[in-house]
């Protein structure tokens, strides 16, 4: 009987320690996420970079001019139809790289908003390695936890503060994303056959509301 009680007692200690560690881990993740999301909202330009879209738009323009010079006869109606079809084909070699860049330029910001909505979460290892400056905020939270553990309340204060998820304000990130999108759309009007590309992307934005 004494042996059995000892085993039960040890088991309860292990379960208690495991629960404490899980609670701390979750609180630490939330603390890091909160600081990271707040940072992204204050610095949206670090997460939304239009430079590759601009560069690819210019590259595409050169490709179009080269293709027209070799393949297009403006007096041939079939040639005109072929030109329009080729330029509007988002999977064609001429247009596909630009489509990819348009999609990608908001991907870092979408990672932030998805993390904020808890639509998706990643392992701590992934976030520390892949999300911009995330590791700095993780280390801040580790320091905060360690400082609290040295106090009278142990880890309870830290866990109580961060265990439940607290959705953050990402309005600045959202506003900046749409501003850059509109600016790129305006910029692209100087280049050939870009209207349909941006119209398609805008429809997709409205359908899935990425930010």
N, C-alpha and C. Protein backbone atom coordinates (compact mmCIF):
# COMPACT_ATOMS: atom_id res chain seq x y z
N UNK A 1 0.83 -1.21 0.00
CA UNK A 1 0.00 0.00 0.00
C UNK A 1 0.86 1.27 0.00
N UNK A 2 1.90 1.28 0.87
CA UNK A 2 2.79 2.44 0.95
C UNK A 2 3.50 2.65 -0.39
N UNK A 3 3.92 1.52 -1.00
CA UNK A 3 4.59 1.60 -2.29
C UNK A 3 3.67 2.18 -3.35
N UNK A 4 2.39 1.74 -3.31
CA UNK A 4 1.40 2.23 -4.28
C UNK A 4 1.16 3.72 -4.10
N UNK A 5 1.04 4.16 -2.84
CA UNK A 5 0.82 5.58 -2.56
C UNK A 5 2.02 6.42 -3.02
N UNK A 6 3.20 5.86 -2.87
CA UNK A 6 4.42 6.55 -3.30
C UNK A 6 4.42 6.75 -4.81
N UNK A 7 4.00 5.69 -5.51
CA UNK A 7 3.94 5.76 -6.98
C UNK A 7 2.93 6.81 -7.42
N UNK A 8 1.76 6.80 -6.76
CA UNK A 8 0.71 7.78 -7.09
C UNK A 8 1.20 9.19 -6.82
N UNK A 9 1.87 9.36 -5.69
CA UNK A 9 2.37 10.68 -5.30
C UNK A 9 3.39 11.20 -6.33
N UNK A 10 4.31 10.32 -6.72
CA UNK A 10 5.32 10.69 -7.73
C UNK A 10 4.65 11.03 -9.06
N UNK A 11 3.63 10.24 -9.40
CA UNK A 11 2.89 10.48 -10.64
C UNK A 11 2.22 11.84 -10.64
N UNK A 12 1.63 12.20 -9.50
CA UNK A 12 0.98 13.50 -9.39
C UNK A 12 1.98 14.64 -9.51
N UNK A 13 3.16 14.44 -8.96
CA UNK A 13 4.22 15.46 -9.07
C UNK A 13 4.62 15.64 -10.53
N UNK A 14 4.79 14.52 -11.22
CA UNK A 14 5.18 14.58 -12.64
C UNK A 14 4.11 15.28 -13.47
N UNK A 15 2.84 14.92 -13.23
CA UNK A 15 1.73 15.55 -13.95
C UNK A 15 1.68 17.04 -13.67
N UNK A 16 1.87 17.39 -12.38
CA UNK A 16 1.86 18.80 -12.00
C UNK A 16 2.97 19.59 -12.66
N UNK A 17 4.16 19.01 -12.68
CA UNK A 17 5.31 19.68 -13.32
C UNK A 17 5.09 19.83 -14.82
N UNK A 18 4.52 18.76 -15.42
CA UNK A 18 4.26 18.79 -16.86
C UNK A 18 3.24 19.87 -17.20
N UNK A 19 2.19 19.97 -16.38
CA UNK A 19 1.16 20.99 -16.61
C UNK A 19 1.74 22.38 -16.46
N UNK A 20 2.60 22.55 -15.45
CA UNK A 20 3.24 23.86 -15.23
C UNK A 20 4.08 24.24 -16.44
N UNK A 21 4.85 23.28 -16.95
CA UNK A 21 5.71 23.53 -18.11
C UNK A 21 4.88 23.87 -19.35
N UNK A 22 3.78 23.14 -19.56
CA UNK A 22 2.90 23.41 -20.70
C UNK A 22 2.27 24.80 -20.61
N UNK A 23 1.85 25.17 -19.41
CA UNK A 23 1.26 26.49 -19.21
C UNK A 23 2.28 27.60 -19.47
N UNK A 24 3.49 27.38 -18.98
CA UNK A 24 4.57 28.35 -19.20
C UNK A 24 4.89 28.46 -20.69
N UNK A 25 4.93 27.31 -21.35
CA UNK A 25 5.27 27.29 -22.78
C UNK A 25 4.22 28.05 -23.59
N UNK A 26 2.96 27.83 -23.26
CA UNK A 26 1.88 28.51 -23.97
C UNK A 26 1.92 30.01 -23.70
N UNK A 27 2.12 30.38 -22.43
CA UNK A 27 2.19 31.79 -22.07
C UNK A 27 3.39 32.47 -22.73
N UNK A 28 4.50 31.75 -22.80
CA UNK A 28 5.70 32.29 -23.44
C UNK A 28 5.48 32.51 -24.93
N UNK A 29 4.79 31.58 -25.57
CA UNK A 29 4.46 31.72 -26.98
C UNK A 29 3.55 32.92 -27.21
N UNK A 30 2.53 33.07 -26.38
CA UNK A 30 1.61 34.20 -26.51
C UNK A 30 2.31 35.53 -26.27
N UNK A 31 3.16 35.57 -25.26
CA UNK A 31 3.92 36.78 -24.96
C UNK A 31 4.75 37.20 -26.17
N UNK A 32 5.46 36.24 -26.77
CA UNK A 32 6.31 36.52 -27.93
C UNK A 32 5.47 36.96 -29.13
N UNK A 33 4.34 36.27 -29.34
CA UNK A 33 3.46 36.62 -30.45
C UNK A 33 2.94 38.05 -30.32
N UNK A 34 2.52 38.40 -29.12
CA UNK A 34 1.95 39.74 -28.87
C UNK A 34 2.99 40.82 -29.18
N UNK A 35 4.18 40.64 -28.69
CA UNK A 35 5.23 41.64 -28.92
C UNK A 35 5.59 41.72 -30.41
N UNK A 36 5.65 40.56 -31.07
CA UNK A 36 5.97 40.52 -32.49
C UNK A 36 4.89 41.19 -33.33
N UNK A 37 3.63 40.88 -33.06
CA UNK A 37 2.52 41.45 -33.83
C UNK A 37 2.45 42.97 -33.63
N UNK A 38 2.65 43.41 -32.42
CA UNK A 38 2.67 44.85 -32.14
C UNK A 38 3.79 45.53 -32.92
N UNK A 39 4.95 44.89 -32.97
CA UNK A 39 6.09 45.40 -33.71
C UNK A 39 5.77 45.50 -35.21
N UNK A 40 5.15 44.46 -35.75
CA UNK A 40 4.79 44.45 -37.18
C UNK A 40 3.79 45.56 -37.50
N UNK A 41 2.84 45.76 -36.61
CA UNK A 41 1.82 46.80 -36.84
C UNK A 41 2.44 48.20 -36.82
N UNK A 42 3.48 48.38 -36.01
CA UNK A 42 4.15 49.68 -35.93
C UNK A 42 5.15 49.89 -37.08
N UNK A 43 5.58 48.79 -37.70
CA UNK A 43 6.59 48.85 -38.77
C UNK A 43 6.13 48.08 -40.01
N UNK A 44 5.01 48.46 -40.59
CA UNK A 44 4.45 47.67 -41.70
C UNK A 44 5.36 47.61 -42.93
N UNK A 45 6.19 48.63 -43.11
CA UNK A 45 7.09 48.66 -44.28
C UNK A 45 8.10 47.52 -44.24
N UNK A 46 8.36 46.96 -43.06
CA UNK A 46 9.29 45.84 -42.96
C UNK A 46 8.65 44.52 -43.39
N UNK A 47 7.32 44.50 -43.49
CA UNK A 47 6.60 43.28 -43.82
C UNK A 47 5.89 43.37 -45.18
N UNK A 48 5.88 44.56 -45.77
CA UNK A 48 5.21 44.76 -47.06
C UNK A 48 6.18 45.50 -47.97
N UNK A 49 6.80 44.77 -48.88
CA UNK A 49 7.84 45.34 -49.75
C UNK A 49 7.41 45.23 -51.21
N UNK A 50 7.12 46.36 -51.86
CA UNK A 50 6.66 46.33 -53.26
C UNK A 50 7.78 46.29 -54.28
N UNK A 51 9.03 46.31 -53.85
CA UNK A 51 10.15 46.49 -54.79
C UNK A 51 10.23 45.38 -55.84
N UNK A 52 9.96 44.14 -55.44
CA UNK A 52 10.05 43.03 -56.39
C UNK A 52 8.92 43.09 -57.42
N UNK A 53 7.74 43.55 -57.00
CA UNK A 53 6.63 43.71 -57.94
C UNK A 53 6.98 44.78 -58.97
N UNK A 54 7.55 45.88 -58.52
CA UNK A 54 7.95 46.96 -59.42
C UNK A 54 9.00 46.46 -60.41
N UNK A 55 9.99 45.76 -59.89
CA UNK A 55 11.06 45.24 -60.75
C UNK A 55 10.51 44.25 -61.78
N UNK A 56 9.62 43.35 -61.35
CA UNK A 56 9.08 42.34 -62.26
C UNK A 56 8.15 42.97 -63.29
N UNK A 57 7.46 44.04 -62.93
CA UNK A 57 6.61 44.75 -63.89
C UNK A 57 7.46 45.31 -65.03
N UNK A 58 8.61 45.85 -64.70
CA UNK A 58 9.53 46.41 -65.70
C UNK A 58 10.15 45.30 -66.56
N UNK A 59 10.48 44.19 -65.94
CA UNK A 59 11.02 43.05 -66.68
C UNK A 59 9.98 42.51 -67.67
N UNK A 60 8.75 42.40 -67.19
CA UNK A 60 7.65 41.91 -68.04
C UNK A 60 7.46 42.82 -69.24
N UNK A 61 7.54 44.13 -69.02
CA UNK A 61 7.38 45.08 -70.12
C UNK A 61 8.41 44.82 -71.23
N UNK A 62 9.64 44.56 -70.84
CA UNK A 62 10.69 44.27 -71.82
C UNK A 62 10.39 42.97 -72.58
N UNK A 63 9.91 41.96 -71.83
CA UNK A 63 9.57 40.68 -72.46
C UNK A 63 8.44 40.86 -73.48
N UNK A 64 7.46 41.68 -73.11
CA UNK A 64 6.33 41.92 -74.01
C UNK A 64 6.80 42.58 -75.31
N UNK A 65 7.63 43.60 -75.17
CA UNK A 65 8.14 44.30 -76.35
C UNK A 65 8.94 43.37 -77.26
N UNK A 66 9.74 42.50 -76.64
CA UNK A 66 10.53 41.54 -77.42
C UNK A 66 9.61 40.55 -78.14
N UNK A 67 8.59 40.07 -77.44
CA UNK A 67 7.68 39.10 -78.03
C UNK A 67 6.90 39.73 -79.19
N UNK A 68 6.41 40.95 -78.99
CA UNK A 68 5.65 41.65 -80.03
C UNK A 68 6.52 41.87 -81.28
N UNK A 69 7.74 42.25 -81.06
CA UNK A 69 8.66 42.52 -82.16
C UNK A 69 8.86 41.27 -83.03
N UNK A 70 8.90 40.11 -82.41
CA UNK A 70 9.15 38.87 -83.13
C UNK A 70 7.87 38.23 -83.66
N UNK A 71 6.77 38.30 -82.89
CA UNK A 71 5.59 37.47 -83.19
C UNK A 71 4.34 38.21 -83.64
N UNK A 72 4.25 39.50 -83.41
CA UNK A 72 2.97 40.18 -83.59
C UNK A 72 2.91 40.97 -84.89
N UNK A 73 1.79 40.76 -85.62
CA UNK A 73 1.49 41.54 -86.82
C UNK A 73 0.22 42.34 -86.55
N UNK A 74 0.32 43.65 -86.37
CA UNK A 74 -0.85 44.45 -86.01
C UNK A 74 -1.95 44.46 -87.07
N UNK A 75 -1.62 44.05 -88.29
CA UNK A 75 -2.62 44.03 -89.37
C UNK A 75 -3.35 42.69 -89.47
N UNK A 76 -2.93 41.75 -88.67
CA UNK A 76 -3.53 40.42 -88.69
C UNK A 76 -4.44 40.27 -87.47
N UNK A 77 -5.76 40.13 -87.70
CA UNK A 77 -6.72 40.02 -86.59
C UNK A 77 -6.43 38.82 -85.70
N UNK A 78 -6.00 37.73 -86.29
CA UNK A 78 -5.68 36.55 -85.50
C UNK A 78 -4.47 36.81 -84.61
N UNK A 79 -3.55 37.59 -85.13
CA UNK A 79 -2.35 37.92 -84.36
C UNK A 79 -2.71 38.79 -83.16
N UNK A 80 -3.67 39.71 -83.36
CA UNK A 80 -4.13 40.57 -82.26
C UNK A 80 -4.78 39.72 -81.17
N UNK A 81 -5.62 38.77 -81.58
CA UNK A 81 -6.28 37.87 -80.64
C UNK A 81 -5.27 37.03 -79.87
N UNK A 82 -4.26 36.55 -80.59
CA UNK A 82 -3.20 35.75 -79.97
C UNK A 82 -2.41 36.57 -78.95
N UNK A 83 -2.14 37.83 -79.30
CA UNK A 83 -1.41 38.72 -78.40
C UNK A 83 -2.18 38.93 -77.10
N UNK A 84 -3.47 39.25 -77.21
CA UNK A 84 -4.28 39.50 -76.02
C UNK A 84 -4.38 38.25 -75.14
N UNK A 85 -4.56 37.10 -75.80
CA UNK A 85 -4.67 35.84 -75.04
C UNK A 85 -3.38 35.55 -74.29
N UNK A 86 -2.25 35.78 -74.94
CA UNK A 86 -0.96 35.51 -74.31
C UNK A 86 -0.71 36.44 -73.14
N UNK A 87 -1.02 37.71 -73.32
CA UNK A 87 -0.77 38.70 -72.26
C UNK A 87 -1.69 38.51 -71.06
N UNK A 88 -2.87 37.95 -71.29
CA UNK A 88 -3.84 37.75 -70.20
C UNK A 88 -3.74 36.37 -69.55
N UNK A 89 -2.83 35.55 -70.06
CA UNK A 89 -2.63 34.21 -69.49
C UNK A 89 -1.66 34.31 -68.31
N UNK A 90 -2.21 34.18 -67.10
CA UNK A 90 -1.37 34.36 -65.91
C UNK A 90 -0.36 33.25 -65.71
N UNK A 91 -0.51 32.15 -66.46
CA UNK A 91 0.45 31.04 -66.33
C UNK A 91 1.51 31.07 -67.43
N UNK A 92 1.40 32.02 -68.34
CA UNK A 92 2.39 32.15 -69.39
C UNK A 92 3.72 32.65 -68.80
N UNK A 93 4.81 32.30 -69.44
CA UNK A 93 6.14 32.68 -68.93
C UNK A 93 6.31 34.19 -68.81
N UNK A 94 5.63 34.95 -69.64
CA UNK A 94 5.76 36.41 -69.59
C UNK A 94 5.09 36.99 -68.35
N UNK A 95 3.91 36.50 -68.01
CA UNK A 95 3.12 37.09 -66.93
C UNK A 95 3.21 36.36 -65.59
N UNK A 96 3.54 35.07 -65.63
CA UNK A 96 3.52 34.28 -64.40
C UNK A 96 4.42 34.82 -63.29
N UNK A 97 5.68 35.23 -63.59
CA UNK A 97 6.53 35.77 -62.51
C UNK A 97 5.92 36.99 -61.83
N UNK A 98 5.26 37.85 -62.58
CA UNK A 98 4.63 39.03 -61.98
C UNK A 98 3.46 38.62 -61.09
N UNK A 99 2.65 37.68 -61.54
CA UNK A 99 1.54 37.19 -60.72
C UNK A 99 2.07 36.67 -59.38
N UNK A 100 3.15 35.94 -59.42
CA UNK A 100 3.72 35.39 -58.19
C UNK A 100 4.21 36.49 -57.26
N UNK A 101 4.85 37.50 -57.81
CA UNK A 101 5.35 38.60 -56.98
C UNK A 101 4.21 39.40 -56.36
N UNK A 102 3.13 39.59 -57.10
CA UNK A 102 1.98 40.33 -56.58
C UNK A 102 1.38 39.58 -55.40
N UNK A 103 1.30 38.26 -55.53
CA UNK A 103 0.78 37.44 -54.43
C UNK A 103 1.73 37.47 -53.24
N UNK A 104 3.03 37.39 -53.54
CA UNK A 104 4.02 37.23 -52.47
C UNK A 104 4.26 38.51 -51.68
N UNK A 105 4.08 39.70 -52.29
CA UNK A 105 4.49 40.92 -51.60
C UNK A 105 3.70 41.15 -50.30
N UNK A 106 2.54 40.55 -50.17
CA UNK A 106 1.78 40.68 -48.93
C UNK A 106 1.85 39.47 -48.03
N UNK A 107 2.68 38.47 -48.40
CA UNK A 107 2.67 37.21 -47.66
C UNK A 107 3.19 37.35 -46.23
N UNK A 108 4.20 38.19 -46.01
CA UNK A 108 4.74 38.38 -44.66
C UNK A 108 3.70 39.04 -43.75
N UNK A 109 2.96 39.99 -44.32
CA UNK A 109 1.91 40.64 -43.54
C UNK A 109 0.77 39.67 -43.23
N UNK A 110 0.48 38.80 -44.19
CA UNK A 110 -0.57 37.80 -43.95
C UNK A 110 -0.18 36.82 -42.85
N UNK A 111 1.10 36.50 -42.77
CA UNK A 111 1.56 35.65 -41.68
C UNK A 111 1.25 36.29 -40.32
N UNK A 112 1.45 37.60 -40.24
CA UNK A 112 1.18 38.33 -38.99
C UNK A 112 -0.30 38.28 -38.65
N UNK A 113 -1.15 38.56 -39.63
CA UNK A 113 -2.60 38.61 -39.36
C UNK A 113 -3.16 37.23 -39.07
N UNK A 114 -2.63 36.20 -39.73
CA UNK A 114 -3.08 34.84 -39.44
C UNK A 114 -2.66 34.42 -38.04
N UNK A 115 -1.46 34.82 -37.65
CA UNK A 115 -0.99 34.53 -36.29
C UNK A 115 -1.86 35.26 -35.27
N UNK A 116 -2.23 36.48 -35.59
CA UNK A 116 -3.07 37.27 -34.69
C UNK A 116 -4.46 36.68 -34.54
N UNK A 117 -5.01 36.17 -35.65
CA UNK A 117 -6.34 35.55 -35.62
C UNK A 117 -6.29 34.11 -35.16
N UNK A 118 -5.08 33.59 -34.98
CA UNK A 118 -4.85 32.18 -34.62
C UNK A 118 -5.49 31.24 -35.64
N UNK A 119 -5.51 31.71 -36.90
CA UNK A 119 -5.91 30.83 -37.99
C UNK A 119 -4.85 29.75 -38.16
N UNK A 120 -3.62 30.16 -37.91
CA UNK A 120 -2.49 29.24 -37.99
C UNK A 120 -1.47 29.66 -36.94
N UNK A 121 -0.75 28.69 -36.43
CA UNK A 121 0.36 28.98 -35.54
C UNK A 121 1.48 28.02 -35.91
N UNK A 122 2.67 28.42 -35.65
CA UNK A 122 3.82 27.60 -35.98
C UNK A 122 4.54 27.20 -34.71
N UNK A 123 5.46 26.28 -34.84
CA UNK A 123 6.28 25.91 -33.70
C UNK A 123 7.14 27.09 -33.30
N UNK A 124 7.56 27.12 -32.06
CA UNK A 124 8.41 28.21 -31.59
C UNK A 124 9.72 28.25 -32.39
N UNK A 125 10.22 27.08 -32.74
CA UNK A 125 11.47 27.02 -33.51
C UNK A 125 11.30 27.71 -34.86
N UNK A 126 10.17 27.43 -35.52
CA UNK A 126 9.92 28.06 -36.83
C UNK A 126 9.79 29.57 -36.69
N UNK A 127 9.02 30.02 -35.71
CA UNK A 127 8.81 31.46 -35.55
C UNK A 127 10.11 32.18 -35.24
N UNK A 128 10.93 31.58 -34.40
CA UNK A 128 12.21 32.22 -34.04
C UNK A 128 13.16 32.30 -35.23
N UNK A 129 13.08 31.33 -36.13
CA UNK A 129 14.00 31.29 -37.26
C UNK A 129 13.47 32.03 -38.48
N UNK A 130 12.14 32.03 -38.69
CA UNK A 130 11.59 32.50 -39.95
C UNK A 130 10.88 33.86 -39.89
N UNK A 131 10.34 34.25 -38.75
CA UNK A 131 9.59 35.51 -38.67
C UNK A 131 10.53 36.64 -38.28
N UNK A 132 10.42 37.74 -38.99
CA UNK A 132 11.37 38.85 -38.86
C UNK A 132 11.45 39.38 -37.42
N UNK A 133 12.62 39.28 -36.83
CA UNK A 133 12.94 39.79 -35.49
C UNK A 133 12.14 39.11 -34.37
N UNK A 134 11.47 38.01 -34.69
CA UNK A 134 10.66 37.33 -33.67
C UNK A 134 11.51 36.87 -32.49
N UNK A 135 12.71 36.38 -32.79
CA UNK A 135 13.55 35.84 -31.73
C UNK A 135 13.88 36.87 -30.65
N UNK A 136 14.02 38.13 -31.04
CA UNK A 136 14.31 39.19 -30.07
C UNK A 136 13.18 39.32 -29.06
N UNK A 137 11.94 39.19 -29.53
CA UNK A 137 10.79 39.30 -28.63
C UNK A 137 10.64 38.05 -27.76
N UNK A 138 10.99 36.90 -28.33
CA UNK A 138 10.98 35.67 -27.55
C UNK A 138 11.96 35.80 -26.37
N UNK A 139 13.15 36.31 -26.64
CA UNK A 139 14.15 36.47 -25.57
C UNK A 139 13.70 37.48 -24.52
N UNK A 140 12.99 38.53 -24.95
CA UNK A 140 12.42 39.49 -24.00
C UNK A 140 11.45 38.79 -23.05
N UNK A 141 10.63 37.92 -23.61
CA UNK A 141 9.63 37.22 -22.80
C UNK A 141 10.29 36.20 -21.87
N UNK A 142 11.35 35.55 -22.35
CA UNK A 142 12.10 34.64 -21.48
C UNK A 142 12.65 35.41 -20.29
N UNK A 143 13.22 36.58 -20.53
CA UNK A 143 13.75 37.41 -19.44
C UNK A 143 12.64 37.80 -18.46
N UNK A 144 11.49 38.16 -19.02
CA UNK A 144 10.36 38.55 -18.16
C UNK A 144 9.93 37.39 -17.27
N UNK A 145 9.84 36.20 -17.87
CA UNK A 145 9.46 35.00 -17.11
C UNK A 145 10.48 34.71 -16.01
N UNK A 146 11.75 34.79 -16.35
CA UNK A 146 12.79 34.48 -15.37
C UNK A 146 12.80 35.48 -14.21
N UNK A 147 12.55 36.75 -14.54
CA UNK A 147 12.52 37.77 -13.49
C UNK A 147 11.34 37.55 -12.55
N UNK A 148 10.20 37.15 -13.11
CA UNK A 148 9.02 36.90 -12.28
C UNK A 148 9.23 35.66 -11.41
N UNK A 149 9.90 34.63 -11.97
CA UNK A 149 10.15 33.40 -11.23
C UNK A 149 11.02 33.65 -9.99
N UNK A 150 11.80 34.70 -10.05
CA UNK A 150 12.65 35.04 -8.91
C UNK A 150 11.85 35.74 -7.80
N UNK A 151 10.64 36.18 -8.15
CA UNK A 151 9.81 36.87 -7.17
C UNK A 151 8.98 35.91 -6.35
N UNK A 152 8.15 36.49 -5.52
CA UNK A 152 7.35 35.69 -4.58
C UNK A 152 6.24 34.90 -5.27
N UNK A 153 5.75 35.43 -6.42
CA UNK A 153 4.61 34.80 -7.09
C UNK A 153 5.02 33.71 -8.08
N UNK A 154 6.33 33.43 -8.14
CA UNK A 154 6.84 32.41 -9.05
C UNK A 154 6.35 32.71 -10.47
N UNK A 155 5.93 31.65 -11.22
CA UNK A 155 5.53 31.85 -12.60
C UNK A 155 4.06 32.21 -12.75
N UNK A 156 3.32 32.24 -11.65
CA UNK A 156 1.87 32.41 -11.75
C UNK A 156 1.49 33.74 -12.38
N UNK A 157 2.21 34.80 -12.06
CA UNK A 157 1.90 36.11 -12.61
C UNK A 157 2.08 36.11 -14.12
N UNK A 158 3.17 35.53 -14.62
CA UNK A 158 3.45 35.49 -16.05
C UNK A 158 2.39 34.67 -16.79
N UNK A 159 2.08 33.51 -16.27
CA UNK A 159 1.08 32.65 -16.90
C UNK A 159 -0.29 33.33 -16.90
N UNK A 160 -0.64 33.95 -15.79
CA UNK A 160 -1.92 34.64 -15.71
C UNK A 160 -2.00 35.79 -16.72
N UNK A 161 -0.88 36.46 -16.95
CA UNK A 161 -0.84 37.61 -17.86
C UNK A 161 -0.97 37.20 -19.32
N UNK A 162 -0.37 36.04 -19.69
CA UNK A 162 -0.27 35.70 -21.12
C UNK A 162 -0.94 34.39 -21.54
N UNK A 163 -1.44 33.61 -20.60
CA UNK A 163 -1.95 32.29 -20.97
C UNK A 163 -3.12 32.38 -21.96
N UNK A 164 -4.07 33.27 -21.71
CA UNK A 164 -5.20 33.45 -22.62
C UNK A 164 -4.76 34.37 -23.77
N UNK A 165 -5.13 34.00 -24.99
CA UNK A 165 -4.71 34.79 -26.14
C UNK A 165 -5.38 36.17 -26.14
N UNK A 166 -4.60 37.18 -26.45
CA UNK A 166 -5.08 38.57 -26.51
C UNK A 166 -4.85 39.08 -27.93
N UNK A 167 -5.93 39.18 -28.69
CA UNK A 167 -5.83 39.63 -30.08
C UNK A 167 -5.34 41.08 -30.13
N UNK A 168 -4.42 41.35 -31.05
CA UNK A 168 -3.79 42.65 -31.12
C UNK A 168 -4.36 43.51 -32.25
N UNK A 169 -4.07 44.80 -32.18
CA UNK A 169 -4.49 45.74 -33.22
C UNK A 169 -3.53 45.64 -34.40
N UNK A 170 -4.06 45.30 -35.58
CA UNK A 170 -3.23 45.24 -36.79
C UNK A 170 -3.76 46.21 -37.85
N UNK A 171 -4.49 47.21 -37.43
CA UNK A 171 -5.12 48.14 -38.37
C UNK A 171 -4.10 48.91 -39.20
N UNK A 172 -2.98 49.27 -38.59
CA UNK A 172 -1.95 50.01 -39.32
C UNK A 172 -1.34 49.15 -40.42
N UNK A 173 -1.14 47.89 -40.12
CA UNK A 173 -0.62 46.94 -41.11
C UNK A 173 -1.60 46.79 -42.27
N UNK A 174 -2.86 46.71 -41.92
CA UNK A 174 -3.92 46.57 -42.91
C UNK A 174 -4.00 47.79 -43.82
N UNK A 175 -3.98 48.97 -43.22
CA UNK A 175 -4.06 50.23 -43.98
C UNK A 175 -2.87 50.35 -44.93
N UNK A 176 -1.69 50.04 -44.42
CA UNK A 176 -0.48 50.17 -45.23
C UNK A 176 -0.50 49.18 -46.40
N UNK A 177 -0.96 47.96 -46.15
CA UNK A 177 -1.04 46.96 -47.21
C UNK A 177 -1.92 47.45 -48.36
N UNK A 178 -3.10 47.98 -48.03
CA UNK A 178 -4.01 48.44 -49.07
C UNK A 178 -3.48 49.68 -49.78
N UNK A 179 -2.76 50.53 -49.06
CA UNK A 179 -2.15 51.70 -49.69
C UNK A 179 -1.11 51.28 -50.71
N UNK A 180 -0.24 50.34 -50.32
CA UNK A 180 0.79 49.86 -51.24
C UNK A 180 0.15 49.17 -52.44
N UNK A 181 -0.89 48.39 -52.19
CA UNK A 181 -1.59 47.72 -53.27
C UNK A 181 -2.12 48.73 -54.27
N UNK A 182 -2.79 49.78 -53.78
CA UNK A 182 -3.35 50.82 -54.66
C UNK A 182 -2.24 51.57 -55.39
N UNK A 183 -1.15 51.84 -54.70
CA UNK A 183 -0.01 52.53 -55.33
C UNK A 183 0.59 51.69 -56.45
N UNK A 184 0.70 50.39 -56.23
CA UNK A 184 1.22 49.51 -57.26
C UNK A 184 0.29 49.43 -58.46
N UNK A 185 -1.00 49.42 -58.17
CA UNK A 185 -1.98 49.37 -59.25
C UNK A 185 -1.89 50.63 -60.11
N UNK A 186 -1.72 51.77 -59.47
CA UNK A 186 -1.57 53.04 -60.19
C UNK A 186 -0.27 53.04 -60.99
N UNK A 187 0.81 52.59 -60.37
CA UNK A 187 2.11 52.50 -61.04
C UNK A 187 2.04 51.63 -62.29
N UNK A 188 1.34 50.51 -62.19
CA UNK A 188 1.31 49.53 -63.28
C UNK A 188 0.57 50.04 -64.52
N UNK A 189 -0.24 51.07 -64.37
CA UNK A 189 -1.02 51.58 -65.51
C UNK A 189 -0.12 52.14 -66.60
N UNK A 190 1.12 52.44 -66.27
CA UNK A 190 2.07 52.95 -67.27
C UNK A 190 2.59 51.82 -68.17
N UNK A 191 2.28 50.57 -67.80
CA UNK A 191 2.82 49.42 -68.52
C UNK A 191 1.71 48.64 -69.22
N UNK A 192 2.09 47.96 -70.28
CA UNK A 192 1.11 47.27 -71.12
C UNK A 192 0.49 46.05 -70.44
N UNK A 193 -0.78 45.83 -70.71
CA UNK A 193 -1.49 44.61 -70.34
C UNK A 193 -1.38 44.27 -68.85
N UNK A 194 -1.51 45.27 -68.00
CA UNK A 194 -1.46 45.01 -66.55
C UNK A 194 -2.83 45.11 -65.89
N UNK A 195 -3.79 45.70 -66.59
CA UNK A 195 -5.10 45.96 -65.98
C UNK A 195 -5.76 44.70 -65.47
N UNK A 196 -5.79 43.66 -66.31
CA UNK A 196 -6.49 42.44 -65.91
C UNK A 196 -5.77 41.73 -64.76
N UNK A 197 -4.45 41.83 -64.71
CA UNK A 197 -3.70 41.22 -63.62
C UNK A 197 -4.15 41.80 -62.28
N UNK A 198 -4.24 43.11 -62.20
CA UNK A 198 -4.60 43.76 -60.95
C UNK A 198 -6.08 43.63 -60.64
N UNK A 199 -6.90 43.60 -61.68
CA UNK A 199 -8.34 43.38 -61.46
C UNK A 199 -8.58 42.00 -60.85
N UNK A 200 -7.86 41.00 -61.36
CA UNK A 200 -7.98 39.63 -60.83
C UNK A 200 -7.53 39.57 -59.38
N UNK A 201 -6.39 40.20 -59.09
CA UNK A 201 -5.87 40.17 -57.72
C UNK A 201 -6.81 40.88 -56.76
N UNK A 202 -7.42 41.98 -57.22
CA UNK A 202 -8.35 42.72 -56.36
C UNK A 202 -9.59 41.88 -56.05
N UNK A 203 -10.07 41.14 -57.03
CA UNK A 203 -11.22 40.27 -56.81
C UNK A 203 -10.88 39.18 -55.80
N UNK A 204 -9.68 38.64 -55.90
CA UNK A 204 -9.25 37.61 -54.95
C UNK A 204 -9.12 38.19 -53.54
N UNK A 205 -8.61 39.42 -53.45
CA UNK A 205 -8.51 40.09 -52.16
C UNK A 205 -9.87 40.25 -51.49
N UNK A 206 -10.84 40.68 -52.30
CA UNK A 206 -12.18 40.90 -51.78
C UNK A 206 -12.85 39.59 -51.37
N UNK A 207 -12.48 38.51 -52.07
CA UNK A 207 -13.10 37.20 -51.79
C UNK A 207 -12.54 36.57 -50.52
N UNK A 208 -11.21 36.64 -50.35
CA UNK A 208 -10.59 35.94 -49.22
C UNK A 208 -10.17 36.88 -48.09
N UNK A 209 -10.17 38.20 -48.35
CA UNK A 209 -9.80 39.22 -47.35
C UNK A 209 -8.53 38.83 -46.60
N UNK A 210 -7.35 38.82 -47.32
CA UNK A 210 -6.12 38.35 -46.69
C UNK A 210 -5.64 39.23 -45.54
N UNK A 211 -6.04 40.51 -45.51
CA UNK A 211 -5.61 41.39 -44.44
C UNK A 211 -6.81 42.16 -43.91
